[in-house]
Structures are given as C-alpha cells and as structure tokens.
C-alpha atoms as a PDB file:
ATOM      1  CA  UNK A   1       0.000   0.000   0.000  1.00  0.00           C
ATOM      2  CA  UNK A   2       1.160   3.520  -0.781  1.00  0.00           C
ATOM      3  CA  UNK A   3       2.111   5.716   2.161  1.00  0.00           C
ATOM      4  CA  UNK A   4       0.288   9.056   2.327  1.00  0.00           C
ATOM      5  CA  UNK A   5       1.657  11.887   4.476  1.00  0.00           C
ATOM      6  CA  UNK A   6      -0.845  14.650   5.154  1.00  0.00           C
ATOM      7  CA  UNK A   7      -0.291  18.334   4.460  1.00  0.00           C
ATOM      8  CA  UNK A   8       1.678  20.338   7.023  1.00  0.00           C
ATOM      9  CA  UNK A   9       3.562  23.631   6.896  1.00  0.00           C
ATOM     10  CA  UNK A  10       7.206  23.635   7.965  1.00  0.00           C
ATOM     11  CA  UNK A  11      10.458  25.489   7.375  1.00  0.00           C
ATOM     12  CA  UNK A  12      12.318  25.002   4.128  1.00  0.00           C
ATOM     13  CA  UNK A  13      15.133  23.157   5.883  1.00  0.00           C
ATOM     14  CA  UNK A  14      12.675  20.746   7.497  1.00  0.00           C
ATOM     15  CA  UNK A  15      10.822  20.145   4.222  1.00  0.00           C
ATOM     16  CA  UNK A  16      13.951  19.332   2.229  1.00  0.00           C
ATOM     17  CA  UNK A  17      15.394  17.164   5.009  1.00  0.00           C
ATOM     18  CA  UNK A  18      12.073  15.329   5.293  1.00  0.00           C
ATOM     19  CA  UNK A  19      11.965  14.491   1.574  1.00  0.00           C
ATOM     20  CA  UNK A  20      15.551  13.230   1.704  1.00  0.00           C
ATOM     21  CA  UNK A  21      14.886  11.158   4.827  1.00  0.00           C
ATOM     22  CA  UNK A  22      11.754   9.612   3.310  1.00  0.00           C
ATOM     23  CA  UNK A  23      13.798   8.668   0.245  1.00  0.00           C
ATOM     24  CA  UNK A  24      16.532   7.164   2.430  1.00  0.00           C
ATOM     25  CA  UNK A  25      13.987   5.190   4.458  1.00  0.00           C
ATOM     26  CA  UNK A  26      12.324   3.888   1.281  1.00  0.00           C
ATOM     27  CA  UNK A  27      15.680   2.579   0.058  1.00  0.00           C
ATOM     28  CA  UNK A  28      16.579   1.009   3.412  1.00  0.00           C
ATOM     29  CA  UNK A  29      13.208  -0.733   3.793  1.00  0.00           C
ATOM     30  CA  UNK A  30      12.982  -1.640   0.089  1.00  0.00           C
ATOM     31  CA  UNK A  31       9.576   0.029  -0.328  1.00  0.00           C
ATOM     32  CA  UNK A  32       7.647  -1.311  -3.318  1.00  0.00           C
ATOM     33  CA  UNK A  33       4.828   1.256  -3.317  1.00  0.00           C
ATOM     34  CA  UNK A  34       5.003   5.060  -3.515  1.00  0.00           C
ATOM     35  CA  UNK A  35       5.323   7.503  -0.642  1.00  0.00           C
ATOM     36  CA  UNK A  36       3.264  10.637  -1.316  1.00  0.00           C
ATOM     37  CA  UNK A  37       3.582  13.773   0.776  1.00  0.00           C
ATOM     38  CA  UNK A  38       1.959  17.219   0.654  1.00  0.00           C
ATOM     39  CA  UNK A  39       3.383  20.245   2.429  1.00  0.00           C
ATOM     40  CA  UNK A  40       3.636  24.011   2.686  1.00  0.00           C
ATOM     41  CA  UNK A  41       6.399  26.436   3.653  1.00  0.00           C
ATOM     42  CA  UNK A  42       6.501  28.650   6.728  1.00  0.00           C
ATOM     43  CA  UNK A  43       8.155  31.103   6.506  1.00  0.00           C
ATOM     44  CA  UNK A  44       8.455  31.645   2.746  1.00  0.00           C
ATOM     45  CA  UNK A  45      11.580  30.066   1.328  1.00  0.00           C
ATOM     46  CA  UNK A  46      13.769  30.107  -1.771  1.00  0.00           C
ATOM     47  CA  UNK A  47      14.986  26.661  -2.813  1.00  0.00           C
ATOM     48  CA  UNK A  48      17.873  26.265  -5.239  1.00  0.00           C
ATOM     49  CA  UNK A  49      18.651  23.241  -7.390  1.00  0.00           C
ATOM     50  CA  UNK A  50      21.504  21.004  -6.262  1.00  0.00           C
ATOM     51  CA  UNK A  51      23.905  22.391  -8.887  1.00  0.00           C
ATOM     52  CA  UNK A  52      22.747  26.017  -8.829  1.00  0.00           C
ATOM     53  CA  UNK A  53      24.899  28.781  -7.354  1.00  0.00           C
ATOM     54  CA  UNK A  54      23.719  31.354  -4.820  1.00  0.00           C
ATOM     55  CA  UNK A  55      25.280  34.242  -6.765  1.00  0.00           C
ATOM     56  CA  UNK A  56      22.090  35.663  -8.258  1.00  0.00           C
ATOM     57  CA  UNK A  57      20.072  35.711  -5.013  1.00  0.00           C
ATOM     58  CA  UNK A  58      19.400  38.994  -3.217  1.00  0.00           C
ATOM     59  CA  UNK A  59      20.350  37.876   0.305  1.00  0.00           C
ATOM     60  CA  UNK A  60      19.662  41.277   1.878  1.00  0.00           C
ATOM     61  CA  UNK A  61      16.096  41.339   0.574  1.00  0.00           C
ATOM     62  CA  UNK A  62      15.496  37.768   1.786  1.00  0.00           C
ATOM     63  CA  UNK A  63      16.830  38.565   5.252  1.00  0.00           C
ATOM     64  CA  UNK A  64      14.782  41.763   5.536  1.00  0.00           C
ATOM     65  CA  UNK A  65      11.607  39.899   4.540  1.00  0.00           C
ATOM     66  CA  UNK A  66      12.118  36.719   6.602  1.00  0.00           C
ATOM     67  CA  UNK A  67      12.592  34.492   3.552  1.00  0.00           C
ATOM     68  CA  UNK A  68      14.671  31.356   4.119  1.00  0.00           C
ATOM     69  CA  UNK A  69      17.106  29.975   1.536  1.00  0.00           C
ATOM     70  CA  UNK A  70      17.797  26.241   1.129  1.00  0.00           C
ATOM     71  CA  UNK A  71      19.305  23.802  -1.340  1.00  0.00           C
ATOM     72  CA  UNK A  72      17.293  20.950  -2.859  1.00  0.00           C
ATOM     73  CA  UNK A  73      18.628  17.472  -3.538  1.00  0.00           C
ATOM     74  CA  UNK A  74      16.823  17.700  -6.898  1.00  0.00           C
ATOM     75  CA  UNK A  75      18.037  19.677  -9.887  1.00  0.00           C
ATOM     76  CA  UNK A  76      16.501  22.638 -11.658  1.00  0.00           C
ATOM     77  CA  UNK A  77      16.590  26.332 -10.866  1.00  0.00           C
ATOM     78  CA  UNK A  78      15.548  28.546  -8.009  1.00  0.00           C
ATOM     79  CA  UNK A  79      11.968  28.820  -6.814  1.00  0.00           C
ATOM     80  CA  UNK A  80      10.177  30.983  -4.258  1.00  0.00           C
ATOM     81  CA  UNK A  81       7.918  28.799  -2.102  1.00  0.00           C
ATOM     82  CA  UNK A  82       5.259  30.993  -0.578  1.00  0.00           C
ATOM     83  CA  UNK A  83       1.541  30.626  -1.289  1.00  0.00           C
ATOM     84  CA  UNK A  84       1.515  27.096  -2.689  1.00  0.00           C
ATOM     85  CA  UNK A  85       1.031  23.386  -2.149  1.00  0.00           C
ATOM     86  CA  UNK A  86       4.090  21.216  -2.720  1.00  0.00           C
ATOM     87  CA  UNK A  87       3.920  17.492  -3.425  1.00  0.00           C
ATOM     88  CA  UNK A  88       6.620  14.859  -3.239  1.00  0.00           C
ATOM     89  CA  UNK A  89       6.412  11.419  -4.819  1.00  0.00           C
ATOM     90  CA  UNK A  90       8.923   8.703  -3.964  1.00  0.00           C
ATOM     91  CA  UNK A  91       8.951   5.278  -5.580  1.00  0.00           C
ATOM     92  CA  UNK A  92      11.260   2.539  -6.840  1.00  0.00           C
ATOM     93  CA  UNK A  93      12.176   2.841 -10.505  1.00  0.00           C
ATOM     94  CA  UNK A  94      10.411  -0.432 -11.294  1.00  0.00           C
ATOM     95  CA  UNK A  95       7.109   0.829  -9.893  1.00  0.00           C
ATOM     96  CA  UNK A  96       6.702   2.948 -13.020  1.00  0.00           C
ATOM     97  CA  UNK A  97       6.085   1.429 -16.431  1.00  0.00           C
ATOM     98  CA  UNK A  98       9.053   3.324 -17.889  1.00  0.00           C
ATOM     99  CA  UNK A  99      10.920   4.283 -14.747  1.00  0.00           C
ATOM    100  CA  UNK A 100      14.381   3.890 -16.243  1.00  0.00           C
ATOM    101  CA  UNK A 101      13.723   6.859 -18.523  1.00  0.00           C
ATOM    102  CA  UNK A 102      13.828  10.256 -16.805  1.00  0.00           C
ATOM    103  CA  UNK A 103      11.538  11.845 -19.403  1.00  0.00           C
ATOM    104  CA  UNK A 104       9.061   8.971 -19.388  1.00  0.00           C
ATOM    105  CA  UNK A 105       8.934   8.881 -15.590  1.00  0.00           C
ATOM    106  CA  UNK A 106       8.163  12.597 -15.450  1.00  0.00           C
ATOM    107  CA  UNK A 107       5.323  11.963 -17.886  1.00  0.00           C
ATOM    108  CA  UNK A 108       3.916   9.068 -15.846  1.00  0.00           C
ATOM    109  CA  UNK A 109       3.867  10.981 -12.561  1.00  0.00           C
ATOM    110  CA  UNK A 110       2.576  14.084 -14.332  1.00  0.00           C
ATOM    111  CA  UNK A 111      -0.181  12.029 -15.953  1.00  0.00           C
ATOM    112  CA  UNK A 112      -1.426  11.042 -12.491  1.00  0.00           C
ATOM    113  CA  UNK A 113      -1.526  14.730 -11.515  1.00  0.00           C
ATOM    114  CA  UNK A 114      -3.394  15.557 -14.727  1.00  0.00           C
ATOM    115  CA  UNK A 115      -5.899  12.843 -13.832  1.00  0.00           C
ATOM    116  CA  UNK A 116      -6.330  14.353 -10.400  1.00  0.00           C
ATOM    117  CA  UNK A 117      -6.919  17.878 -11.636  1.00  0.00           C
ATOM    118  CA  UNK A 118      -9.757  16.627 -13.823  1.00  0.00           C
ATOM    119  CA  UNK A 119     -11.670  16.176 -10.551  1.00  0.00           C
ATOM    120  CA  UNK A 120     -11.643  19.951 -10.056  1.00  0.00           C
ATOM    121  CA  UNK A 121     -12.325  20.768 -13.711  1.00  0.00           C
ATOM    122  CA  UNK A 122      -8.808  21.974 -14.522  1.00  0.00           C
ATOM    123  CA  UNK A 123      -7.374  20.570 -17.722  1.00  0.00           C
ATOM    124  CA  UNK A 124      -3.595  20.362 -17.560  1.00  0.00           C
ATOM    125  CA  UNK A 125      -1.078  19.354 -20.194  1.00  0.00           C
ATOM    126  CA  UNK A 126       2.555  18.314 -20.056  1.00  0.00           C
ATOM    127  CA  UNK A 127       5.034  21.003 -21.094  1.00  0.00           C
ATOM    128  CA  UNK A 128       4.234  24.535 -22.156  1.00  0.00           C
ATOM    129  CA  UNK A 129       4.246  26.822 -25.155  1.00  0.00           C
ATOM    130  CA  UNK A 130       6.888  29.227 -23.890  1.00  0.00           C
ATOM    131  CA  UNK A 131      10.404  28.367 -25.065  1.00  0.00           C
ATOM    132  CA  UNK A 132      13.201  27.837 -22.556  1.00  0.00           C
ATOM    133  CA  UNK A 133      15.314  30.944 -22.045  1.00  0.00           C
ATOM    134  CA  UNK A 134      18.592  29.928 -20.452  1.00  0.00           C
ATOM    135  CA  UNK A 135      19.142  33.314 -18.800  1.00  0.00           C
ATOM    136  CA  UNK A 136      16.335  32.797 -16.295  1.00  0.00           C
ATOM    137  CA  UNK A 137      17.285  31.754 -12.766  1.00  0.00           C
ATOM    138  CA  UNK A 138      13.664  31.602 -11.573  1.00  0.00           C
ATOM    139  CA  UNK A 139      12.325  28.113 -12.279  1.00  0.00           C
ATOM    140  CA  UNK A 140       8.762  29.068 -13.174  1.00  0.00           C
ATOM    141  CA  UNK A 141       9.933  31.193 -16.119  1.00  0.00           C
ATOM    142  CA  UNK A 142      11.380  28.115 -17.825  1.00  0.00           C
ATOM    143  CA  UNK A 143       9.310  25.685 -19.835  1.00  0.00           C
ATOM    144  CA  UNK A 144      10.432  22.039 -19.876  1.00  0.00           C
ATOM    145  CA  UNK A 145       9.006  18.570 -20.288  1.00  0.00           C
ATOM    146  CA  UNK A 146       8.744  18.361 -16.489  1.00  0.00           C
ATOM    147  CA  UNK A 147       6.107  21.120 -16.350  1.00  0.00           C
ATOM    148  CA  UNK A 148       2.361  21.014 -16.203  1.00  0.00           C
ATOM    149  CA  UNK A 149       0.600  23.916 -17.848  1.00  0.00           C
ATOM    150  CA  UNK A 150      -2.897  25.332 -18.118  1.00  0.00           C
ATOM    151  CA  UNK A 151      -3.786  26.924 -21.457  1.00  0.00           C
ATOM    152  CA  UNK A 152      -0.079  27.049 -22.291  1.00  0.00           C
ATOM    153  CA  UNK A 153       0.995  28.812 -19.098  1.00  0.00           C
ATOM    154  CA  UNK A 154       3.014  27.042 -16.423  1.00  0.00           C
ATOM    155  CA  UNK A 155       1.160  26.055 -13.244  1.00  0.00           C
ATOM    156  CA  UNK A 156       3.287  23.235 -11.768  1.00  0.00           C
ATOM    157  CA  UNK A 157       7.065  22.952 -11.937  1.00  0.00           C
ATOM    158  CA  UNK A 158       8.693  19.690 -10.834  1.00  0.00           C
ATOM    159  CA  UNK A 159      12.199  18.361 -10.262  1.00  0.00           C
ATOM    160  CA  UNK A 160      13.605  14.877  -9.816  1.00  0.00           C
ATOM    161  CA  UNK A 161      16.455  13.049  -8.104  1.00  0.00           C
ATOM    162  CA  UNK A 162      17.458   9.403  -8.495  1.00  0.00           C
ATOM    163  CA  UNK A 163      19.622   7.160  -6.373  1.00  0.00           C
ATOM    164  CA  UNK A 164      19.989   3.406  -5.729  1.00  0.00           C
ATOM    165  CA  UNK A 165      17.022   2.507  -7.923  1.00  0.00           C
ATOM    166  CA  UNK A 166      14.614   5.032  -6.374  1.00  0.00           C
ATOM    167  CA  UNK A 167      13.060   8.281  -7.591  1.00  0.00           C
ATOM    168  CA  UNK A 168      12.182  11.407  -5.652  1.00  0.00           C
ATOM    169  CA  UNK A 169      10.069  13.898  -7.575  1.00  0.00           C
ATOM    170  CA  UNK A 170       8.639  17.005  -5.981  1.00  0.00           C
ATOM    171  CA  UNK A 171       6.830  19.975  -7.432  1.00  0.00           C
ATOM    172  CA  UNK A 172       5.148  23.280  -6.608  1.00  0.00           C
ATOM    173  CA  UNK A 173       1.514  24.163  -7.278  1.00  0.00           C
ATOM    174  CA  UNK A 174       1.136  27.937  -7.072  1.00  0.00           C
ATOM    175  CA  UNK A 175      -1.929  29.453  -5.436  1.00  0.00           C
ATOM    176  CA  UNK A 176      -0.623  32.961  -6.019  1.00  0.00           C
ATOM    177  CA  UNK A 177       2.667  34.696  -6.706  1.00  0.00           C
ATOM    178  CA  UNK A 178       4.121  38.090  -5.913  1.00  0.00           C
ATOM    179  CA  UNK A 179       5.743  39.434  -9.085  1.00  0.00           C
ATOM    180  CA  UNK A 180       7.647  42.206  -7.315  1.00  0.00           C
ATOM    181  CA  UNK A 181       8.976  39.884  -4.638  1.00  0.00           C
ATOM    182  CA  UNK A 182      10.205  37.386  -7.226  1.00  0.00           C
ATOM    183  CA  UNK A 183      11.931  40.109  -9.260  1.00  0.00           C
ATOM    184  CA  UNK A 184      13.731  41.437  -6.179  1.00  0.00           C
ATOM    185  CA  UNK A 185      14.859  37.998  -5.002  1.00  0.00           C
ATOM    186  CA  UNK A 186      16.128  36.770  -8.380  1.00  0.00           C
ATOM    187  CA  UNK A 187      17.182  40.129  -9.857  1.00  0.00           C
ATOM    188  CA  UNK A 188      15.310  39.554 -13.117  1.00  0.00           C
ATOM    189  CA  UNK A 189      12.063  40.503 -14.793  1.00  0.00           C
ATOM    190  CA  UNK A 190       9.085  38.192 -14.283  1.00  0.00           C
ATOM    191  CA  UNK A 191       6.884  37.776 -17.349  1.00  0.00           C
ATOM    192  CA  UNK A 192       3.462  37.026 -15.953  1.00  0.00           C
ATOM    193  CA  UNK A 193       2.213  35.696 -19.290  1.00  0.00           C
ATOM    194  CA  UNK A 194       4.525  32.697 -18.786  1.00  0.00           C
ATOM    195  CA  UNK A 195       3.020  31.478 -15.506  1.00  0.00           C
ATOM    196  CA  UNK A 196      -0.359  31.083 -13.853  1.00  0.00           C
ATOM    197  CA  UNK A 197      -1.707  30.065 -10.447  1.00  0.00           C
ATOM    198  CA  UNK A 198      -4.746  28.424  -8.881  1.00  0.00           C
ATOM    199  CA  UNK A 199      -6.264  31.759  -7.835  1.00  0.00           C
ATOM    200  CA  UNK A 200      -6.199  32.972 -11.450  1.00  0.00           C
ATOM    201  CA  UNK A 201      -7.870  29.796 -12.671  1.00  0.00           C
ATOM    202  CA  UNK A 202     -10.477  29.355  -9.933  1.00  0.00           C
ATOM    203  CA  UNK A 203     -10.143  31.401  -6.756  1.00  0.00           C
ATOM    204  CA  UNK A 204     -12.790  29.352  -4.936  1.00  0.00           C
ATOM    205  CA  UNK A 205     -10.474  26.323  -4.744  1.00  0.00           C
ATOM    206  CA  UNK A 206      -8.750  25.585  -1.438  1.00  0.00           C
ATOM    207  CA  UNK A 207      -5.611  23.680  -0.555  1.00  0.00           C
ATOM    208  CA  UNK A 208      -7.832  20.837   0.616  1.00  0.00           C
ATOM    209  CA  UNK A 209      -9.515  20.732  -2.805  1.00  0.00           C
ATOM    210  CA  UNK A 210      -6.162  20.508  -4.604  1.00  0.00           C
ATOM    211  CA  UNK A 211      -4.740  17.876  -2.289  1.00  0.00           C
ATOM    212  CA  UNK A 212      -7.853  15.674  -2.384  1.00  0.00           C
ATOM    213  CA  UNK A 213      -7.928  15.887  -6.174  1.00  0.00           C
ATOM    214  CA  UNK A 214      -4.281  14.839  -6.426  1.00  0.00           C
ATOM    215  CA  UNK A 215      -4.706  12.008  -3.925  1.00  0.00           C
ATOM    216  CA  UNK A 216      -7.531  10.638  -6.059  1.00  0.00           C
ATOM    217  CA  UNK A 217      -5.497  11.169  -9.230  1.00  0.00           C
ATOM    218  CA  UNK A 218      -2.545   9.146  -7.906  1.00  0.00           C
ATOM    219  CA  UNK A 219      -4.915   6.448  -6.625  1.00  0.00           C
ATOM    220  CA  UNK A 220      -6.793   6.076  -9.903  1.00  0.00           C
ATOM    221  CA  UNK A 221      -3.844   6.389 -12.278  1.00  0.00           C
ATOM    222  CA  UNK A 222      -1.536   3.998 -10.432  1.00  0.00           C
ATOM    223  CA  UNK A 223      -4.301   1.735  -9.020  1.00  0.00           C
ATOM    224  CA  UNK A 224      -3.010   2.089  -5.479  1.00  0.00           C
ATOM    225  CA  UNK A 225      -4.590   2.161  -2.042  1.00  0.00           C
ATOM    226  CA  UNK A 226      -3.263   4.198   0.864  1.00  0.00           C
ATOM    227  CA  UNK A 227      -1.994   3.388   4.334  1.00  0.00           C
END
C-alpha cells in the first residue's frame, strides 16, 4: 500500500530534510509502493537546485523579509515557495512502467496529476508553449518537459532526483505569486504571461480541494490504495 503523508507547513530546511529522509527510508526498507507527501512552507523560502549557485540571489532582501534559503537534492533552478502546495512522490524505478527513462517517468507521474486535476475541472497538459530561455534563474519562467501547464501557461514545476534505484520527484503548485517579490529575489524581470496560479484559474479552490484531487489522481492512475 502507498504511504500518504498529510499536508503540514514547515520550514524550508525541514521540508527538504524530510523528503531526503523519506527517500533514504524507502531505500533502506525496500519500499515497493510510492510515498506521497503534501506540504507548505513557513516562513516563505527560496529553494535552489543542487547544482545552482547562490550568486544571483538577493540575500539582503530575503533577510529583511524573513525568507529562508535552502538547497534541494533535486536539480533545476531557483523557486520561491510561498503561497503554494508542494507534493513529493517517492517510488522505486520499477514501480513505473518506464521508470528507467527520466523523461518517461516525469510523464507518468505528471499524468497522475493531470488525472487528479480533472476532478476539479482543470485541464492540464505536459510542457508549455513558452520556449526555454537559459538566462532565467527563476524556475517558473522556464518551460520544460517536467512542467504542467494550463492553457499554455506554467502552473506546476517539478524536479527529480534518483539514487539506488529510487526516484524522488517534488513539485510546486502555485496558489498565487508576488511578481515584485520574485523580481527582487532573483534580480530579473518576471513575465506574468509565462506562468499562472490556482487563484487565477479558480479562486474558490482551497488547498484541501487541490490535495484531495491529487490524492484521487494518484490512486486512480496507479491503481493504489493508501496506508
């Protein structure tokens, strides 16, 4: 049975350590089914990909505004975690039909999320229409095959890490975003036509609605039951 960990808000350091520890425990106990976790960030936090430098971050602004800064074990670029729901999905490579392929595994996990969002009448698609611009350090301004978009604009950005035959994928579902705050943190212009958020799509939806929809999506797509 898949392990489901309910939504809680914690610091960025706690959240990243928790994902890594869950991955480690899955490897040590040879888990065969997924571990699925939902969480929020308190206070707001900037997470940077494992190979990304800190050079472009405005540390003074983050300190003045009580914004934490952490590193992720996963790759990708920087992201401000503020008003959002984050998911993490941990599983052995062989749990997925095409787990040995990074691209195919992104598509499988994303397909379960797409299935879930159908329950709240939001039609998502893999990837986006906006081309990747390598100059951007803010993750949500990049469009890749790991994204989920709504009407061509990015709603969910995900990143993945693999070790010892296991996959950790986590991703951010924006409820809202502060354009000015993002620009000051990352020292670059934010093009709002490239991204969207839950509040722009349907501002009556709650975190509970999103989480329940995704739980059902994972259950139905992967034919799993939960502990």
